[in-house]
Amino acid sequence: MKIICATDLSPKTRHVIDAASAVSRRFKGELTVVHAVDVPSAHALPEPIQTNWTAEAKAALRRMVKSVPQHDTKIGERVLAGVPDEALIRHAVEAEPDLLVMGPLGKRDVDRWLIGSTAERVLEASPTPVLLVRDAKAFRAWSEQEKPLNVFFAYDFDATSDLALAFLARWVLDGRVELTLAHVDWPPEEYQRLGIHRTMSLTTNDSEVQAILERDLRSRVRKHLGDTPVKIVVEPSFGRNDVTLLRLIEKAQPDLVVCGTHQRAGLSRFWKGSVSLELARHCSTNVLLVPAVRGREEGISVHRTILAVTDFSDAGNLAVHRAHSLLPAGGTVHLLHVTEPMRRRSELGPNFESESETASDQLRRLKELDARLRRLVPADAGKHGIKACFEIAEDGDVAAAICQAAERLGVDAISIGSGGSSRLKKMIHGSVTQGVLSRSNRPVFVIKPPQS
């Protein structure tokens, strides 16, 4: 692991070098300590004065590095020229380290409230994961294998969090780490996403929602960390996620908090906020933020569960067949058909809704649809070790029902036919396939029937 540690040469940043040295020892990495010299009025000062200024900074940096116990770690030194945050970011781009370590503060001549601390400005633009060190004791004990590193991971279901989890995998798999994976949700949003239509609470998850969220979190953990034991925490919240996360962190008392960061700036941060920056500002412990630009390092994914959608047209039935051919042995295909609901909704309210058929007629129709789905399973599916499950959803919005079923079942991908509806139906109702493509955040395989 290639590590860069930034210092402003003040005594309070000695522990930052100490922590960087401990992490470097743990990974048998390469550590360089850097200091940025911002010479005021550089163009106006004589060159000898500028040279002397830089020489004094180099001597002070050398003294500080030698004061840190190095054990078997060789620590390099480098003095950069320029405003600290800008010089650090330039150096990170050029050197391409695996980790940038620094303290949480530092500021320019202008007050911090106006433009933010050096650490905050680096977090907003660094292409490299940044470790903000507040206490080096835990890293020393972890490096010397005296105790595990207690890590709290603030996870959200997005690509940024997955990239951060992939980066953390080396820490977890190479060393003794006790990991807690925490996710904060808002119940009404989850009910809508999963297509659960019943009375809900604004502040608590019911057992089904809680189980689905925990299942999906464990699935993400297995993808990156294998069978590593992880404590899963799902916390419903009404309000700001960062406030709830800070409360959970205070309760857990971890050595390190890890979070992905979108590095939002300007109006984007104003509208969407930045949970990662709030954690960096207000956590009383060490914080590691991983930017999204490291996405190129993610490995190849293997689909093991697919939702195959059919309207019993040729294109829909072909989507079921193709779904089976896309899976390896041991995979599962969930066959789904969406039908019109028995109850007709009324704008006047639920008391004015009408039933389009009797309960016995509905039961008979559902049994017929289930039988049709079962007949679509290829005869040799069992021979190839592929299992089939069957689901019938009643919803007037077919695209929404498909996306909600994919979320409830936690499938890896969706297989759906294209061309199953006439041009007139597409003009009136729109394309269900297009609706799924625009709404789902999962891979979608669109199967077109062969041209006659």
Protein backbone atom coordinates (compact mmCIF):
# COMPACT_ATOMS: atom_id res chain seq x y z
CA MET A 1 0.00 0.00 0.00
CA LYS A 2 1.34 3.41 -0.99
CA ILE A 3 0.53 6.05 1.65
CA ILE A 4 1.00 9.83 1.72
CA CYS A 5 0.77 11.60 5.08
CA ALA A 6 0.30 15.38 5.19
CA THR A 7 1.54 17.53 8.08
CA ASP A 8 1.65 21.27 8.83
CA LEU A 9 4.67 20.66 11.15
CA SER A 10 2.73 21.66 14.26
CA PRO A 11 3.16 19.38 17.32
CA LYS A 12 -0.53 18.46 17.24
CA THR A 13 -0.05 16.66 13.89
CA ARG A 14 2.66 14.30 15.15
CA HIS A 15 0.00 11.72 15.98
CA VAL A 16 -1.14 11.85 12.32
CA ILE A 17 2.30 10.62 11.18
CA ASP A 18 2.19 8.03 13.97
CA ALA A 19 -1.14 6.67 12.66
CA ALA A 20 0.08 6.67 9.04
CA SER A 21 3.20 4.78 10.10
CA ALA A 22 1.10 2.18 11.94
CA VAL A 23 -1.15 1.59 8.90
CA SER A 24 1.92 1.36 6.66
CA ARG A 25 3.49 -1.25 8.96
CA ARG A 26 0.28 -3.26 8.98
CA PHE A 27 0.24 -3.45 5.17
CA LYS A 28 4.05 -3.46 4.73
CA GLY A 29 3.54 -0.37 2.63
CA GLU A 30 5.46 2.67 1.45
CA LEU A 31 5.00 5.90 3.43
CA THR A 32 5.93 9.45 2.42
CA VAL A 33 5.34 12.43 4.73
CA VAL A 34 4.71 15.69 2.87
CA HIS A 35 4.49 19.33 3.90
CA ALA A 36 3.27 22.17 1.67
CA VAL A 37 5.14 25.50 1.87
CA ASP A 38 2.98 28.43 0.82
CA VAL A 39 5.55 31.24 0.43
CA PRO A 40 3.68 34.58 0.68
CA SER A 41 4.27 37.04 -2.14
CA ALA A 42 6.60 34.58 -3.79
CA HIS A 43 7.14 36.74 -6.85
CA ALA A 44 8.09 39.75 -4.71
CA LEU A 45 10.59 37.98 -2.41
CA PRO A 46 14.23 37.53 -3.43
CA GLU A 47 15.13 34.00 -4.47
CA PRO A 48 17.56 33.43 -1.56
CA ILE A 49 14.77 34.13 0.93
CA GLN A 50 12.46 31.67 -0.82
CA THR A 51 15.21 29.03 -0.87
CA ASN A 52 15.92 29.56 2.82
CA TRP A 53 12.21 29.31 3.64
CA THR A 54 11.99 25.94 1.87
CA ALA A 55 15.23 24.68 3.48
CA GLU A 56 13.91 25.47 6.96
CA ALA A 57 10.69 23.57 6.17
CA LYS A 58 12.70 20.54 5.00
CA ALA A 59 14.77 20.57 8.21
CA ALA A 60 11.67 20.85 10.39
CA LEU A 61 9.97 18.02 8.46
CA ARG A 62 13.03 15.79 8.92
CA ARG A 63 13.08 16.44 12.68
CA MET A 64 9.39 15.61 13.00
CA VAL A 65 9.69 12.38 11.01
CA LYS A 66 12.68 11.24 13.11
CA SER A 67 10.69 11.84 16.30
CA VAL A 68 8.16 9.18 15.26
CA PRO A 69 9.03 5.53 16.10
CA GLN A 70 9.60 3.97 12.67
CA HIS A 71 10.24 0.32 13.67
CA ASP A 72 10.83 -1.44 10.33
CA THR A 73 9.05 1.25 8.30
CA LYS A 74 11.12 3.50 6.05
CA ILE A 75 9.50 6.93 5.91
CA GLY A 76 10.21 9.26 3.01
CA GLU A 77 9.96 13.05 3.14
CA ARG A 78 8.90 15.63 0.61
CA VAL A 79 8.24 19.38 0.68
CA LEU A 80 5.58 20.67 -1.73
CA ALA A 81 5.15 24.23 -2.97
CA GLY A 82 1.79 25.97 -2.94
CA VAL A 83 -1.43 26.37 -0.99
CA PRO A 84 -1.70 23.21 1.18
CA ASP A 85 -4.98 21.77 -0.12
CA GLU A 86 -4.16 22.50 -3.77
CA ALA A 87 -0.61 21.15 -3.45
CA LEU A 88 -1.85 17.97 -1.74
CA ILE A 89 -4.44 17.29 -4.42
CA ARG A 90 -1.90 17.89 -7.22
CA HIS A 91 0.54 15.51 -5.53
CA ALA A 92 -2.18 12.87 -5.04
CA VAL A 93 -3.00 13.05 -8.75
CA GLU A 94 0.65 12.68 -9.73
CA ALA A 95 1.76 10.06 -7.18
CA GLU A 96 -1.46 7.97 -7.26
CA PRO A 97 -1.24 6.74 -3.64
CA ASP A 98 -3.65 4.20 -2.17
CA LEU A 99 -4.34 6.39 0.87
CA LEU A 100 -3.91 10.02 1.94
CA VAL A 101 -3.60 10.55 5.72
CA MET A 102 -4.04 13.95 7.37
CA GLY A 103 -5.45 15.77 10.38
CA PRO A 104 -9.03 17.09 10.40
CA LEU A 105 -8.17 20.82 10.58
CA GLY A 106 -5.65 23.29 9.13
CA LYS A 107 -6.63 26.57 7.49
CA ARG A 108 -5.56 29.37 5.19
CA ASP A 109 -5.19 32.97 6.23
CA VAL A 110 -8.92 33.49 5.67
CA ASP A 111 -11.20 32.28 8.48
CA ARG A 112 -12.24 28.61 8.28
CA TRP A 113 -15.96 29.40 8.29
CA LEU A 114 -15.56 31.18 4.98
CA ILE A 115 -13.86 28.50 2.86
CA GLY A 116 -13.62 25.44 5.11
CA SER A 117 -10.61 23.69 6.63
CA THR A 118 -7.75 22.30 4.55
CA ALA A 119 -9.04 18.79 5.28
CA GLU A 120 -12.55 19.64 4.05
CA ARG A 121 -11.25 21.11 0.80
CA VAL A 122 -9.06 18.05 0.22
CA LEU A 123 -12.05 15.76 0.88
CA GLU A 124 -14.05 17.61 -1.76
CA ALA A 125 -11.51 17.02 -4.54
CA SER A 126 -9.07 14.22 -3.65
CA PRO A 127 -8.97 11.30 -6.13
CA THR A 128 -7.59 9.18 -3.28
CA PRO A 129 -9.30 7.83 -0.12
CA VAL A 130 -8.60 10.22 2.77
CA LEU A 131 -8.07 9.15 6.39
CA LEU A 132 -8.69 11.93 8.92
CA VAL A 133 -6.81 11.06 12.12
CA ARG A 134 -8.01 12.26 15.51
CA ASP A 135 -6.47 9.51 17.64
CA ALA A 136 -3.57 7.22 16.66
CA LYS A 137 -3.79 4.81 19.62
CA ALA A 138 -6.20 2.39 17.92
CA PHE A 139 -4.00 2.18 14.80
CA ARG A 140 -0.88 1.49 16.88
CA ALA A 141 -2.63 -1.29 18.83
CA TRP A 142 -4.04 -2.76 15.60
CA SER A 143 -0.66 -2.64 13.84
CA GLU A 144 1.06 -4.38 16.75
CA GLN A 145 -1.82 -6.92 16.88
CA GLU A 146 -2.70 -5.99 20.46
CA LYS A 147 -6.42 -5.55 19.63
CA PRO A 148 -8.75 -5.57 16.61
CA LEU A 149 -9.66 -2.34 14.84
CA ASN A 150 -13.32 -1.51 15.55
CA VAL A 151 -14.76 -0.17 12.26
CA PHE A 152 -18.18 1.43 11.74
CA PHE A 153 -19.25 1.54 8.07
CA ALA A 154 -22.02 3.99 7.14
CA TYR A 155 -23.59 2.22 4.14
CA ASP A 156 -26.12 3.40 1.59
CA PHE A 157 -27.40 1.32 -1.31
CA ASP A 158 -25.44 3.08 -4.06
CA ALA A 159 -22.32 2.55 -6.14
CA THR A 160 -20.28 4.91 -3.97
CA SER A 161 -20.84 2.80 -0.85
CA ASP A 162 -20.00 -0.38 -2.78
CA LEU A 163 -16.70 1.15 -3.90
CA ALA A 164 -15.89 2.13 -0.31
CA LEU A 165 -16.72 -1.41 0.85
CA ALA A 166 -14.46 -2.85 -1.85
CA PHE A 167 -11.63 -0.57 -0.69
CA LEU A 168 -12.15 -1.60 2.93
CA ALA A 169 -12.02 -5.30 1.99
CA ARG A 170 -8.23 -5.31 2.19
CA TRP A 171 -8.33 -3.91 5.73
CA VAL A 172 -10.84 -6.55 6.80
CA LEU A 173 -9.28 -9.54 5.05
CA ASP A 174 -5.63 -8.72 5.83
CA GLY A 175 -6.04 -7.77 9.46
CA ARG A 176 -8.12 -8.23 12.60
CA VAL A 177 -11.13 -5.97 12.15
CA GLU A 178 -14.47 -5.93 13.95
CA LEU A 179 -16.89 -4.49 11.39
CA THR A 180 -20.33 -2.96 11.91
CA LEU A 181 -22.32 -2.15 8.77
CA ALA A 182 -25.05 0.44 9.44
CA HIS A 183 -27.80 1.69 7.16
CA VAL A 184 -30.36 4.42 7.88
CA ASP A 185 -33.70 4.26 6.05
CA TRP A 186 -36.97 6.19 5.91
CA PRO A 187 -39.89 3.68 6.18
CA PRO A 188 -42.34 5.36 3.74
CA GLU A 189 -39.66 5.37 1.05
CA GLU A 190 -38.95 1.68 1.63
CA TYR A 191 -42.65 0.73 1.48
CA GLN A 192 -42.88 2.51 -1.87
CA ARG A 193 -39.68 0.95 -3.23
CA LEU A 194 -40.73 -2.57 -2.23
CA GLY A 195 -44.36 -2.24 -3.29
CA ILE A 196 -45.77 -3.04 0.15
CA HIS A 197 -49.33 -1.72 0.36
CA ARG A 198 -50.49 -1.66 3.96
CA THR A 199 -50.63 0.63 6.95
CA MET A 200 -47.13 1.90 7.72
CA SER A 201 -45.24 3.86 10.34
CA LEU A 202 -43.20 6.99 9.62
CA THR A 203 -40.50 6.06 12.12
CA THR A 204 -40.30 2.24 12.42
CA ASN A 205 -39.79 -0.67 10.01
CA ASP A 206 -42.13 -3.62 10.13
CA SER A 207 -40.60 -7.11 10.23
CA GLU A 208 -40.75 -7.67 6.44
CA VAL A 209 -39.01 -4.40 5.56
CA GLN A 210 -36.39 -4.94 8.27
CA ALA A 211 -35.69 -8.48 7.03
CA ILE A 212 -35.35 -7.37 3.40
CA LEU A 213 -32.92 -4.56 4.25
CA GLU A 214 -30.79 -6.85 6.43
CA ARG A 215 -30.79 -9.50 3.68
CA ASP A 216 -29.63 -7.00 1.07
CA LEU A 217 -26.90 -5.64 3.35
CA ARG A 218 -25.56 -9.14 4.01
CA SER A 219 -25.62 -9.80 0.27
CA ARG A 220 -23.44 -6.72 -0.36
CA VAL A 221 -21.06 -7.82 2.39
CA ARG A 222 -20.70 -11.33 0.93
CA LYS A 223 -19.89 -9.87 -2.48
CA HIS A 224 -16.84 -7.97 -1.15
CA LEU A 225 -15.90 -9.67 2.12
CA GLY A 226 -17.00 -13.27 1.67
CA ASP A 227 -18.02 -14.97 4.91
CA THR A 228 -16.39 -12.38 7.17
CA PRO A 229 -18.54 -11.92 10.30
CA VAL A 230 -20.21 -8.51 10.23
CA LYS A 231 -22.68 -6.88 12.61
CA ILE A 232 -25.65 -5.47 10.64
CA VAL A 233 -27.53 -2.42 11.94
CA VAL A 234 -30.66 -1.09 10.18
CA GLU A 235 -32.03 2.06 11.78
CA PRO A 236 -35.28 3.73 10.61
CA SER A 237 -35.23 7.50 10.79
CA PHE A 238 -37.47 10.50 10.23
CA GLY A 239 -35.18 13.41 9.37
CA ARG A 240 -31.51 13.84 8.46
CA ASN A 241 -29.53 10.63 8.01
CA ASP A 242 -26.28 12.15 9.26
CA VAL A 243 -27.85 12.99 12.64
CA THR A 244 -29.03 9.39 13.09
CA LEU A 245 -25.65 8.03 11.99
CA LEU A 246 -23.81 10.27 14.44
CA ARG A 247 -26.05 8.98 17.23
CA LEU A 248 -25.28 5.37 16.24
CA ILE A 249 -21.56 6.14 16.05
CA GLU A 250 -21.61 7.72 19.50
CA LYS A 251 -23.27 4.58 20.85
CA ALA A 252 -20.87 2.18 19.10
CA GLN A 253 -17.66 4.07 20.03
CA PRO A 254 -15.66 2.75 17.02
CA ASP A 255 -11.97 3.33 16.26
CA LEU A 256 -12.72 4.23 12.65
CA VAL A 257 -15.77 5.42 10.70
CA VAL A 258 -15.82 4.60 6.96
CA CYS A 259 -18.11 6.16 4.35
CA GLY A 260 -18.22 6.65 0.59
CA THR A 261 -18.35 10.21 -0.69
CA HIS A 262 -19.89 11.70 -3.84
CA GLN A 263 -17.72 14.82 -3.42
CA ARG A 264 -20.67 17.05 -4.16
CA ALA A 265 -19.99 20.76 -4.54
CA GLY A 266 -21.92 23.96 -5.24
CA LEU A 267 -25.67 23.67 -5.81
CA SER A 268 -25.52 19.86 -5.80
CA ARG A 269 -24.40 19.85 -2.18
CA PHE A 270 -26.98 22.52 -1.31
CA TRP A 271 -29.87 20.44 -2.65
CA LYS A 272 -28.70 16.92 -1.77
CA GLY A 273 -26.45 17.57 1.21
CA SER A 274 -23.30 15.63 2.07
CA VAL A 275 -23.58 12.97 4.76
CA SER A 276 -19.88 12.10 4.40
CA LEU A 277 -18.73 15.69 5.03
CA GLU A 278 -21.00 15.99 8.07
CA LEU A 279 -19.50 12.79 9.50
CA ALA A 280 -16.00 14.12 8.85
CA ARG A 281 -16.84 17.35 10.65
CA HIS A 282 -18.67 16.03 13.69
CA CYS A 283 -17.31 12.53 14.44
CA SER A 284 -15.13 12.42 17.53
CA THR A 285 -13.11 9.52 16.11
CA ASN A 286 -11.06 8.76 12.98
CA VAL A 287 -12.87 8.95 9.62
CA LEU A 288 -12.00 7.33 6.28
CA LEU A 289 -13.79 8.69 3.20
CA VAL A 290 -13.55 6.88 -0.15
CA PRO A 291 -14.36 8.87 -3.33
CA ALA A 292 -16.36 7.38 -6.18
CA VAL A 293 -13.58 7.74 -8.74
CA ARG A 294 -12.11 4.41 -7.65
CA GLY A 295 -14.89 2.54 -9.47
CA ARG A 296 -12.48 1.14 -12.06
CA GLU A 297 -11.17 -1.32 -9.48
CA GLU A 298 -14.44 -3.21 -8.99
CA GLY A 299 -14.33 -6.83 -10.10
CA ILE A 300 -16.59 -8.86 -12.38
CA SER A 301 -20.06 -9.64 -11.04
CA VAL A 302 -21.76 -13.02 -11.52
CA HIS A 303 -25.57 -13.04 -11.68
CA ARG A 304 -27.11 -15.78 -9.55
CA THR A 305 -30.75 -14.63 -9.37
CA ILE A 306 -32.79 -13.16 -12.23
CA LEU A 307 -36.36 -11.89 -12.35
CA ALA A 308 -37.89 -13.11 -15.64
CA VAL A 309 -40.98 -11.11 -16.59
CA THR A 310 -43.57 -12.38 -19.03
CA ASP A 311 -46.95 -11.25 -20.27
CA PHE A 312 -47.26 -14.65 -22.02
CA SER A 313 -46.45 -13.10 -25.39
CA ASP A 314 -43.72 -14.65 -27.54
CA ALA A 315 -41.25 -11.97 -26.45
CA GLY A 316 -42.15 -12.37 -22.78
CA ASN A 317 -41.84 -16.15 -22.87
CA LEU A 318 -38.49 -15.85 -24.66
CA ALA A 319 -37.29 -13.61 -21.79
CA VAL A 320 -38.00 -16.50 -19.39
CA HIS A 321 -36.00 -18.93 -21.53
CA ARG A 322 -33.06 -16.50 -21.88
CA ALA A 323 -33.03 -15.89 -18.12
CA HIS A 324 -32.35 -19.58 -17.53
CA SER A 325 -29.48 -19.55 -20.05
CA LEU A 326 -27.84 -16.55 -18.31
CA LEU A 327 -27.43 -18.26 -14.95
CA PRO A 328 -24.75 -20.67 -13.69
CA ALA A 329 -25.60 -23.92 -11.92
CA GLY A 330 -27.26 -23.22 -8.58
CA GLY A 331 -28.89 -20.01 -9.83
CA THR A 332 -32.54 -19.08 -9.35
CA VAL A 333 -35.04 -17.65 -11.84
CA HIS A 334 -38.05 -15.83 -10.38
CA LEU A 335 -40.85 -15.96 -12.98
CA LEU A 336 -43.19 -12.96 -12.70
CA HIS A 337 -46.49 -12.10 -14.33
CA VAL A 338 -48.31 -8.85 -13.53
CA THR A 339 -52.09 -8.93 -13.80
CA GLU A 340 -54.83 -6.36 -13.33
CA PRO A 341 -55.89 -5.99 -9.67
CA MET A 342 -59.21 -7.47 -8.60
CA ARG A 343 -60.22 -4.23 -6.87
CA ARG A 344 -60.79 -1.17 -9.06
CA ARG A 345 -59.48 1.97 -7.42
CA SER A 346 -61.75 4.99 -7.22
CA GLU A 347 -60.77 8.65 -6.92
CA LEU A 348 -63.56 9.00 -4.35
CA GLY A 349 -61.67 6.83 -1.85
CA PRO A 350 -61.39 3.18 -0.75
CA ASN A 351 -65.08 2.99 0.27
CA PHE A 352 -66.04 3.46 -3.39
CA GLU A 353 -63.67 0.84 -4.84
CA SER A 354 -65.33 -2.02 -6.70
CA GLU A 355 -64.37 -5.61 -7.24
CA SER A 356 -64.09 -6.80 -10.85
CA GLU A 357 -64.58 -10.45 -9.90
CA THR A 358 -65.55 -12.63 -6.99
CA ALA A 359 -62.97 -14.11 -4.62
CA SER A 360 -63.51 -17.62 -6.04
CA ASP A 361 -63.07 -16.34 -9.62
CA GLN A 362 -59.90 -14.56 -8.58
CA LEU A 363 -58.49 -17.68 -6.92
CA ARG A 364 -59.23 -19.76 -10.02
CA ARG A 365 -57.61 -17.13 -12.29
CA LEU A 366 -54.47 -16.95 -10.14
CA LYS A 367 -54.14 -20.75 -10.19
CA GLU A 368 -54.40 -20.72 -13.99
CA LEU A 369 -51.72 -18.02 -14.26
CA ASP A 370 -49.44 -19.94 -11.91
CA ALA A 371 -49.85 -23.08 -14.02
CA ARG A 372 -48.98 -21.13 -17.18
CA LEU A 373 -45.83 -19.79 -15.52
CA ARG A 374 -44.74 -23.29 -14.47
CA ARG A 375 -45.13 -24.57 -18.02
CA LEU A 376 -42.59 -21.96 -19.21
CA VAL A 377 -39.71 -23.49 -17.23
CA PRO A 378 -37.35 -25.26 -19.69
CA ALA A 379 -37.45 -29.04 -19.34
CA ASP A 380 -33.69 -29.28 -18.72
CA ALA A 381 -33.52 -26.49 -16.11
CA GLY A 382 -33.23 -28.98 -13.25
CA LYS A 383 -30.47 -30.87 -15.03
CA HIS A 384 -28.45 -27.64 -15.12
CA GLY A 385 -29.08 -27.00 -11.43
CA ILE A 386 -31.30 -23.94 -11.97
CA LYS A 387 -34.22 -23.44 -9.60
CA ALA A 388 -37.47 -21.67 -10.44
CA CYS A 389 -39.81 -19.62 -8.24
CA PHE A 390 -43.15 -18.15 -9.26
CA GLU A 391 -44.72 -14.80 -8.47
CA ILE A 392 -47.97 -13.15 -9.59
CA ALA A 393 -48.45 -9.46 -8.83
CA GLU A 394 -51.69 -7.50 -9.09
CA ASP A 395 -51.03 -3.90 -10.12
CA GLY A 396 -52.25 -1.46 -12.70
CA ASP A 397 -48.73 0.02 -13.09
CA VAL A 398 -46.87 -2.92 -14.59
CA ALA A 399 -43.40 -1.29 -14.72
CA ALA A 400 -43.62 -0.22 -11.07
CA ALA A 401 -44.74 -3.71 -10.00
CA ILE A 402 -41.77 -5.28 -11.81
CA CYS A 403 -39.24 -2.92 -10.18
CA GLN A 404 -40.82 -3.41 -6.75
CA ALA A 405 -40.73 -7.20 -7.12
CA ALA A 406 -37.04 -7.00 -8.08
CA GLU A 407 -36.34 -5.02 -4.89
CA ARG A 408 -38.39 -7.35 -2.66
CA LEU A 409 -36.75 -10.46 -4.05
CA GLY A 410 -33.26 -8.94 -4.14
CA VAL A 411 -32.47 -10.27 -7.63
CA ASP A 412 -29.22 -9.52 -9.45
CA ALA A 413 -30.88 -8.63 -12.76
CA ILE A 414 -34.16 -8.46 -14.70
CA SER A 415 -34.97 -10.22 -17.97
CA ILE A 416 -37.85 -8.74 -19.94
CA GLY A 417 -39.13 -9.03 -23.49
CA SER A 418 -39.43 -6.19 -25.98
CA GLY A 419 -42.01 -6.15 -28.72
CA GLY A 420 -44.70 -7.98 -26.79
CA SER A 421 -47.19 -5.12 -27.22
CA SER A 422 -48.67 -3.70 -30.36
CA ARG A 423 -47.73 -0.21 -31.56
CA LEU A 424 -51.20 1.04 -30.63
CA LYS A 425 -50.82 -0.24 -27.05
CA LYS A 426 -47.42 1.41 -26.77
CA MET A 427 -48.91 4.73 -27.90
CA ILE A 428 -51.74 4.48 -25.35
CA HIS A 429 -50.03 2.86 -22.37
CA GLY A 430 -46.36 3.47 -23.08
CA SER A 431 -43.69 0.77 -23.15
CA VAL A 432 -43.45 -1.36 -20.00
CA THR A 433 -39.89 -2.26 -20.95
CA GLN A 434 -38.92 1.39 -21.22
CA GLY A 435 -40.54 2.06 -17.86
CA VAL A 436 -38.47 -0.68 -16.21
CA LEU A 437 -35.29 0.61 -17.85
CA SER A 438 -35.89 4.12 -16.55
CA ARG A 439 -36.92 3.12 -13.00
CA SER A 440 -34.77 0.15 -12.04
CA ASN A 441 -31.23 0.52 -10.69
CA ARG A 442 -30.52 -3.14 -11.47
CA PRO A 443 -29.13 -4.55 -14.74
CA VAL A 444 -31.94 -5.19 -17.25
CA PHE A 445 -31.65 -7.69 -20.09
CA VAL A 446 -34.05 -6.71 -22.89
CA ILE A 447 -34.87 -9.75 -25.02
CA LYS A 448 -36.10 -9.10 -28.55
CA PRO A 449 -37.81 -11.94 -30.47
CA PRO A 450 -36.06 -13.06 -33.67
CA GLN A 451 -37.24 -11.37 -36.84
CA SER A 452 -39.60 -13.55 -38.89
